[in-house]
Each structure stands twice: as structure tokens, then as C-alpha cells.
């Protein structure tokens, strides 16, 4: 998926905010999954292009982030 396709499809995605995001307007991340990629964006600036990574890359990142590498 190209950056243009990612930017154009972001309005059609079902975004959800991180459970670690507080209501005070601090650093908030939103994530949306689709068949081709996992999308990540800044919830405070949703019009700005986000990041799209493969499902395998996202799984590897999560494993590292929660300390389940192996």
C-alpha cells in the first residue's frame, strides 16, 4: 500500500485510541487494522498522515514493546 493509498483510506478505517491515553489531551495514539496493514496516527492531529506497517511488523513491535521477545 502506498502512502497516498494509506492517506486516502484513513477516513474509512475504524480507529481506536490506546487504553493508555488519558483524557487530559496528552500524547495519544490511535490504531486501525485493515487487511493490508496496521495504521497508527496521532489522535490530536488526525488530518496528518499516519504510519502504516504490515501485520507481521506490528506483531513484532508489540512483542518487543511488552517484553515478549524470544
PDB file of N, CA and C in Angstrom:
ATOM      1  N   UNK A   1       0.851  -1.167   0.000  1.00  0.00           N
ATOM      2  CA  UNK A   1       0.000   0.000   0.000  1.00  0.00           C
ATOM      3  C   UNK A   1       0.896   1.229   0.000  1.00  0.00           C
ATOM      4  N   UNK A   2       0.635   2.158  -0.899  1.00  0.00           N
ATOM      5  CA  UNK A   2       1.431   3.374  -0.988  1.00  0.00           C
ATOM      6  C   UNK A   2       0.996   4.381   0.068  1.00  0.00           C
ATOM      7  N   UNK A   3       1.823   5.422   0.266  1.00  0.00           N
ATOM      8  CA  UNK A   3       1.457   6.470   1.215  1.00  0.00           C
ATOM      9  C   UNK A   3       0.175   7.171   0.797  1.00  0.00           C
ATOM     10  N   UNK A   4      -0.002   7.374  -0.507  1.00  0.00           N
ATOM     11  CA  UNK A   4      -1.229   8.021  -0.995  1.00  0.00           C
ATOM     12  C   UNK A   4      -2.448   7.163  -0.701  1.00  0.00           C
ATOM     13  N   UNK A   5      -2.346   5.856  -0.939  1.00  0.00           N
ATOM     14  CA  UNK A   5      -3.463   4.953  -0.646  1.00  0.00           C
ATOM     15  C   UNK A   5      -3.757   4.930   0.851  1.00  0.00           C
ATOM     16  N   UNK A   6      -2.700   4.965   1.658  1.00  0.00           N
ATOM     17  CA  UNK A   6      -2.871   4.977   3.109  1.00  0.00           C
ATOM     18  C   UNK A   6      -3.587   6.238   3.548  1.00  0.00           C
ATOM     19  N   UNK A   7      -3.157   7.385   3.037  1.00  0.00           N
ATOM     20  CA  UNK A   7      -3.782   8.654   3.410  1.00  0.00           C
ATOM     21  C   UNK A   7      -5.234   8.697   2.962  1.00  0.00           C
ATOM     22  N   UNK A   8      -5.509   8.207   1.769  1.00  0.00           N
ATOM     23  CA  UNK A   8      -6.876   8.241   1.253  1.00  0.00           C
ATOM     24  C   UNK A   8      -7.795   7.268   1.972  1.00  0.00           C
ATOM     25  N   UNK A   9      -7.270   6.166   2.465  1.00  0.00           N
ATOM     26  CA  UNK A   9      -8.111   5.158   3.109  1.00  0.00           C
ATOM     27  C   UNK A   9      -8.314   5.413   4.595  1.00  0.00           C
ATOM     28  N   UNK A  10      -7.551   6.338   5.184  1.00  0.00           N
ATOM     29  CA  UNK A  10      -7.605   6.517   6.634  1.00  0.00           C
ATOM     30  C   UNK A  10      -8.967   6.983   7.123  1.00  0.00           C
ATOM     31  N   UNK A  11      -9.738   7.672   6.281  1.00  0.00           N
ATOM     32  CA  UNK A  11     -11.082   8.105   6.679  1.00  0.00           C
ATOM     33  C   UNK A  11     -12.044   6.927   6.779  1.00  0.00           C
ATOM     34  N   UNK A  12     -11.750   5.831   6.102  1.00  0.00           N
ATOM     35  CA  UNK A  12     -12.637   4.677   6.057  1.00  0.00           C
ATOM     36  C   UNK A  12     -12.291   3.630   7.115  1.00  0.00           C
ATOM     37  N   UNK A  13     -11.268   3.883   7.904  1.00  0.00           N
ATOM     38  CA  UNK A  13     -10.831   2.921   8.903  1.00  0.00           C
ATOM     39  C   UNK A  13     -11.567   3.114  10.223  1.00  0.00           C
ATOM     40  N   UNK A  14     -11.623   2.054  11.013  1.00  0.00           N
ATOM     41  CA  UNK A  14     -12.231   2.106  12.335  1.00  0.00           C
ATOM     42  C   UNK A  14     -11.104   2.323  13.356  1.00  0.00           C
ATOM     43  N   UNK A  15     -10.886   3.571  13.733  1.00  0.00           N
ATOM     44  CA  UNK A  15      -9.793   3.944  14.626  1.00  0.00           C
ATOM     45  C   UNK A  15     -10.175   3.736  16.085  1.00  0.00           C
ATOM     46  N   UNK A  16      -9.211   3.311  16.904  1.00  0.00           N
ATOM     47  CA  UNK A  16      -9.445   3.266  18.346  1.00  0.00           C
ATOM     48  C   UNK A  16      -8.224   3.819  19.058  1.00  0.00           C
ATOM     49  N   UNK A  17      -8.466   4.454  20.196  1.00  0.00           N
ATOM     50  CA  UNK A  17      -7.420   5.117  20.959  1.00  0.00           C
ATOM     51  C   UNK A  17      -6.781   4.142  21.944  1.00  0.00           C
ATOM     52  N   UNK A  18      -5.508   4.317  22.179  1.00  0.00           N
ATOM     53  CA  UNK A  18      -4.785   3.500  23.131  1.00  0.00           C
ATOM     54  C   UNK A  18      -5.435   3.559  24.505  1.00  0.00           C
ATOM     55  N   UNK A  19      -5.469   2.441  25.195  1.00  0.00           N
ATOM     56  CA  UNK A  19      -6.022   2.408  26.554  1.00  0.00           C
ATOM     57  C   UNK A  19      -5.144   3.191  27.529  1.00  0.00           C
ATOM     58  N   UNK A  20      -3.917   3.499  27.136  1.00  0.00           N
ATOM     59  CA  UNK A  20      -3.017   4.283  27.969  1.00  0.00           C
ATOM     60  C   UNK A  20      -3.196   5.786  27.756  1.00  0.00           C
ATOM     61  N   UNK A  21      -4.000   6.183  26.785  1.00  0.00           N
ATOM     62  CA  UNK A  21      -4.227   7.597  26.520  1.00  0.00           C
ATOM     63  C   UNK A  21      -5.183   8.156  27.561  1.00  0.00           C
ATOM     64  N   UNK A  22      -4.799   9.244  28.142  1.00  0.00           N
ATOM     65  CA  UNK A  22      -5.636   9.874  29.158  1.00  0.00           C
ATOM     66  C   UNK A  22      -6.576  10.887  28.539  1.00  0.00           C
ATOM     67  N   UNK A  23      -7.495  11.377  29.314  1.00  0.00           N
ATOM     68  CA  UNK A  23      -8.448  12.360  28.844  1.00  0.00           C
ATOM     69  C   UNK A  23      -7.930  13.782  28.917  1.00  0.00           C
ATOM     70  N   UNK A  24      -6.705  13.980  29.399  1.00  0.00           N
ATOM     71  CA  UNK A  24      -6.161  15.318  29.586  1.00  0.00           C
ATOM     72  C   UNK A  24      -5.540  15.895  28.323  1.00  0.00           C
ATOM     73  N   UNK A  25      -5.571  15.160  27.219  1.00  0.00           N
ATOM     74  CA  UNK A  25      -5.030  15.680  25.961  1.00  0.00           C
ATOM     75  C   UNK A  25      -3.540  15.513  25.801  1.00  0.00           C
ATOM     76  N   UNK A  26      -2.959  14.566  26.491  1.00  0.00           N
ATOM     77  CA  UNK A  26      -1.527  14.305  26.367  1.00  0.00           C
ATOM     78  C   UNK A  26      -1.205  13.548  25.097  1.00  0.00           C
ATOM     79  N   UNK A  27      -0.156  12.774  25.132  1.00  0.00           N
ATOM     80  CA  UNK A  27       0.259  12.000  23.971  1.00  0.00           C
ATOM     81  C   UNK A  27      -0.728  10.867  23.728  1.00  0.00           C
ATOM     82  N   UNK A  28      -1.461  10.950  22.644  1.00  0.00           N
ATOM     83  CA  UNK A  28      -2.477   9.950  22.327  1.00  0.00           C
ATOM     84  C   UNK A  28      -2.202   9.334  20.965  1.00  0.00           C
ATOM     85  N   UNK A  29      -2.365   8.033  20.897  1.00  0.00           N
ATOM     86  CA  UNK A  29      -2.147   7.299  19.659  1.00  0.00           C
ATOM     87  C   UNK A  29      -3.432   6.569  19.318  1.00  0.00           C
ATOM     88  N   UNK A  30      -3.781   6.565  18.038  1.00  0.00           N
ATOM     89  CA  UNK A  30      -4.912   5.783  17.554  1.00  0.00           C
ATOM     90  C   UNK A  30      -4.398   4.733  16.585  1.00  0.00           C
ATOM     91  N   UNK A  31      -5.056   3.588  16.582  1.00  0.00           N
ATOM     92  CA  UNK A  31      -4.656   2.468  15.737  1.00  0.00           C
ATOM     93  C   UNK A  31      -5.885   1.949  15.008  1.00  0.00           C
ATOM     94  N   UNK A  32      -5.686   1.523  13.762  1.00  0.00           N
ATOM     95  CA  UNK A  32      -6.754   0.903  12.983  1.00  0.00           C
ATOM     96  C   UNK A  32      -6.146  -0.245  12.184  1.00  0.00           C
ATOM     97  N   UNK A  33      -6.881  -1.336  12.086  1.00  0.00           N
ATOM     98  CA  UNK A  33      -6.409  -2.503  11.333  1.00  0.00           C
ATOM     99  C   UNK A  33      -7.243  -2.670  10.074  1.00  0.00           C
ATOM    100  N   UNK A  34      -6.588  -3.080   9.020  1.00  0.00           N
ATOM    101  CA  UNK A  34      -7.286  -3.461   7.791  1.00  0.00           C
ATOM    102  C   UNK A  34      -6.589  -4.702   7.239  1.00  0.00           C
ATOM    103  N   UNK A  35      -7.022  -5.172   6.124  1.00  0.00           N
ATOM    104  CA  UNK A  35      -6.468  -6.427   5.580  1.00  0.00           C
ATOM    105  C   UNK A  35      -5.004  -6.305   5.207  1.00  0.00           C
ATOM    106  N   UNK A  36      -4.574  -5.133   4.810  1.00  0.00           N
ATOM    107  CA  UNK A  36      -3.218  -4.967   4.288  1.00  0.00           C
ATOM    108  C   UNK A  36      -2.213  -4.427   5.294  1.00  0.00           C
ATOM    109  N   UNK A  37      -2.692  -3.774   6.343  1.00  0.00           N
ATOM    110  CA  UNK A  37      -1.754  -3.089   7.229  1.00  0.00           C
ATOM    111  C   UNK A  37      -2.403  -2.716   8.553  1.00  0.00           C
ATOM    112  N   UNK A  38      -1.539  -2.318   9.471  1.00  0.00           N
ATOM    113  CA  UNK A  38      -1.963  -1.707  10.723  1.00  0.00           C
ATOM    114  C   UNK A  38      -1.599  -0.227  10.589  1.00  0.00           C
ATOM    115  N   UNK A  39      -2.550   0.640  10.876  1.00  0.00           N
ATOM    116  CA  UNK A  39      -2.352   2.075  10.731  1.00  0.00           C
ATOM    117  C   UNK A  39      -2.240   2.699  12.111  1.00  0.00           C
ATOM    118  N   UNK A  40      -1.323   3.657  12.258  1.00  0.00           N
ATOM    119  CA  UNK A  40      -1.105   4.357  13.517  1.00  0.00           C
ATOM    120  C   UNK A  40      -1.088   5.850  13.211  1.00  0.00           C
ATOM    121  N   UNK A  41      -1.757   6.648  14.063  1.00  0.00           N
ATOM    122  CA  UNK A  41      -1.747   8.094  13.861  1.00  0.00           C
ATOM    123  C   UNK A  41      -1.820   8.812  15.207  1.00  0.00           C
ATOM    124  N   UNK A  42      -1.516  10.088  15.161  1.00  0.00           N
ATOM    125  CA  UNK A  42      -1.614  10.979  16.315  1.00  0.00           C
ATOM    126  C   UNK A  42      -3.065  11.413  16.441  1.00  0.00           C
ATOM    127  N   UNK A  43      -3.712  11.092  17.540  1.00  0.00           N
ATOM    128  CA  UNK A  43      -5.132  11.407  17.683  1.00  0.00           C
ATOM    129  C   UNK A  43      -5.389  12.911  17.794  1.00  0.00           C
ATOM    130  N   UNK A  44      -4.375  13.675  18.176  1.00  0.00           N
ATOM    131  CA  UNK A  44      -4.547  15.115  18.292  1.00  0.00           C
ATOM    132  C   UNK A  44      -4.482  15.798  16.938  1.00  0.00           C
ATOM    133  N   UNK A  45      -3.957  15.111  15.928  1.00  0.00           N
ATOM    134  CA  UNK A  45      -3.820  15.678  14.583  1.00  0.00           C
ATOM    135  C   UNK A  45      -4.179  14.605  13.559  1.00  0.00           C
ATOM    136  N   UNK A  46      -5.440  14.185  13.571  1.00  0.00           N
ATOM    137  CA  UNK A  46      -5.890  13.073  12.737  1.00  0.00           C
ATOM    138  C   UNK A  46      -5.833  13.383  11.239  1.00  0.00           C
ATOM    139  N   UNK A  47      -5.786  14.651  10.865  1.00  0.00           N
ATOM    140  CA  UNK A  47      -5.702  15.005   9.452  1.00  0.00           C
ATOM    141  C   UNK A  47      -4.298  14.779   8.898  1.00  0.00           C
ATOM    142  N   UNK A  48      -3.326  14.727   9.772  1.00  0.00           N
ATOM    143  CA  UNK A  48      -1.939  14.499   9.364  1.00  0.00           C
ATOM    144  C   UNK A  48      -1.761  13.031   8.985  1.00  0.00           C
ATOM    145  N   UNK A  49      -0.993  12.748   7.938  1.00  0.00           N
ATOM    146  CA  UNK A  49      -0.796  11.341   7.546  1.00  0.00           C
ATOM    147  C   UNK A  49      -0.187  10.527   8.683  1.00  0.00           C
ATOM    148  N   UNK A  50      -0.643   9.293   8.787  1.00  0.00           N
ATOM    149  CA  UNK A  50      -0.133   8.391   9.810  1.00  0.00           C
ATOM    150  C   UNK A  50       0.894   7.435   9.237  1.00  0.00           C
ATOM    151  N   UNK A  51       1.087   6.364   9.939  1.00  0.00           N
ATOM    152  CA  UNK A  51       2.051   5.339   9.572  1.00  0.00           C
ATOM    153  C   UNK A  51       1.298   4.046   9.320  1.00  0.00           C
ATOM    154  N   UNK A  52       1.677   3.318   8.289  1.00  0.00           N
ATOM    155  CA  UNK A  52       1.083   2.009   8.013  1.00  0.00           C
ATOM    156  C   UNK A  52       2.205   0.972   7.977  1.00  0.00           C
ATOM    157  N   UNK A  53       2.024  -0.122   8.722  1.00  0.00           N
ATOM    158  CA  UNK A  53       3.007  -1.198   8.754  1.00  0.00           C
ATOM    159  C   UNK A  53       2.303  -2.530   8.512  1.00  0.00           C
ATOM    160  N   UNK A  54       3.063  -3.517   8.101  1.00  0.00           N
ATOM    161  CA  UNK A  54       2.480  -4.844   7.876  1.00  0.00           C
ATOM    162  C   UNK A  54       2.053  -5.454   9.206  1.00  0.00           C
ATOM    163  N   UNK A  55       1.148  -6.405   9.126  1.00  0.00           N
ATOM    164  CA  UNK A  55       0.676  -7.095  10.337  1.00  0.00           C
ATOM    165  C   UNK A  55       1.818  -7.806  11.050  1.00  0.00           C
ATOM    166  N   UNK A  56       2.734  -8.409  10.292  1.00  0.00           N
ATOM    167  CA  UNK A  56       3.882  -9.090  10.892  1.00  0.00           C
ATOM    168  C   UNK A  56       4.790  -8.115  11.624  1.00  0.00           C
ATOM    169  N   UNK A  57       5.022  -6.949  11.018  1.00  0.00           N
ATOM    170  CA  UNK A  57       5.858  -5.933  11.662  1.00  0.00           C
ATOM    171  C   UNK A  57       5.204  -5.419  12.930  1.00  0.00           C
ATOM    172  N   UNK A  58       3.885  -5.228  12.893  1.00  0.00           N
ATOM    173  CA  UNK A  58       3.166  -4.750  14.080  1.00  0.00           C
ATOM    174  C   UNK A  58       3.248  -5.787  15.199  1.00  0.00           C
ATOM    175  N   UNK A  59       3.088  -7.057  14.871  1.00  0.00           N
ATOM    176  CA  UNK A  59       3.166  -8.119  15.868  1.00  0.00           C
ATOM    177  C   UNK A  59       4.560  -8.162  16.497  1.00  0.00           C
ATOM    178  N   UNK A  60       5.590  -7.997  15.688  1.00  0.00           N
ATOM    179  CA  UNK A  60       6.955  -7.983  16.210  1.00  0.00           C
ATOM    180  C   UNK A  60       7.166  -6.785  17.132  1.00  0.00           C
ATOM    181  N   UNK A  61       6.658  -5.622  16.742  1.00  0.00           N
ATOM    182  CA  UNK A  61       6.759  -4.432  17.584  1.00  0.00           C
ATOM    183  C   UNK A  61       6.061  -4.649  18.922  1.00  0.00           C
ATOM    184  N   UNK A  62       4.842  -5.162  18.887  1.00  0.00           N
ATOM    185  CA  UNK A  62       4.101  -5.389  20.130  1.00  0.00           C
ATOM    186  C   UNK A  62       4.825  -6.391  21.026  1.00  0.00           C
ATOM    187  N   UNK A  63       5.349  -7.453  20.424  1.00  0.00           N
ATOM    188  CA  UNK A  63       6.099  -8.429  21.215  1.00  0.00           C
ATOM    189  C   UNK A  63       7.285  -7.795  21.909  1.00  0.00           C
ATOM    190  N   UNK A  64       7.982  -6.918  21.208  1.00  0.00           N
ATOM    191  CA  UNK A  64       9.117  -6.218  21.793  1.00  0.00           C
ATOM    192  C   UNK A  64       8.652  -5.231  22.865  1.00  0.00           C
ATOM    193  N   UNK A  65       7.576  -4.498  22.562  1.00  0.00           N
ATOM    194  CA  UNK A  65       7.091  -3.450  23.469  1.00  0.00           C
ATOM    195  C   UNK A  65       6.619  -4.021  24.807  1.00  0.00           C
ATOM    196  N   UNK A  66       6.056  -5.199  24.791  1.00  0.00           N
ATOM    197  CA  UNK A  66       5.574  -5.790  26.045  1.00  0.00           C
ATOM    198  C   UNK A  66       6.559  -6.813  26.625  1.00  0.00           C
ATOM    199  N   UNK A  67       7.729  -6.903  26.014  1.00  0.00           N
ATOM    200  CA  UNK A  67       8.784  -7.747  26.559  1.00  0.00           C
ATOM    201  C   UNK A  67       8.619  -9.223  26.299  1.00  0.00           C
ATOM    202  N   UNK A  68       7.920  -9.581  25.221  1.00  0.00           N
ATOM    203  CA  UNK A  68       7.729 -10.999  24.915  1.00  0.00           C
ATOM    204  C   UNK A  68       8.545 -11.431  23.722  1.00  0.00           C
ATOM    205  N   UNK A  69       9.776 -10.932  23.606  1.00  0.00           N
ATOM    206  CA  UNK A  69      10.637 -11.343  22.514  1.00  0.00           C
ATOM    207  C   UNK A  69      11.194 -12.722  22.822  1.00  0.00           C
ATOM    208  N   UNK A  70      11.524 -13.423  21.802  1.00  0.00           N
ATOM    209  CA  UNK A  70      12.056 -14.732  22.125  1.00  0.00           C
ATOM    210  C   UNK A  70      12.327 -15.466  20.924  1.00  0.00           C
TER     211      UNK A  70
END
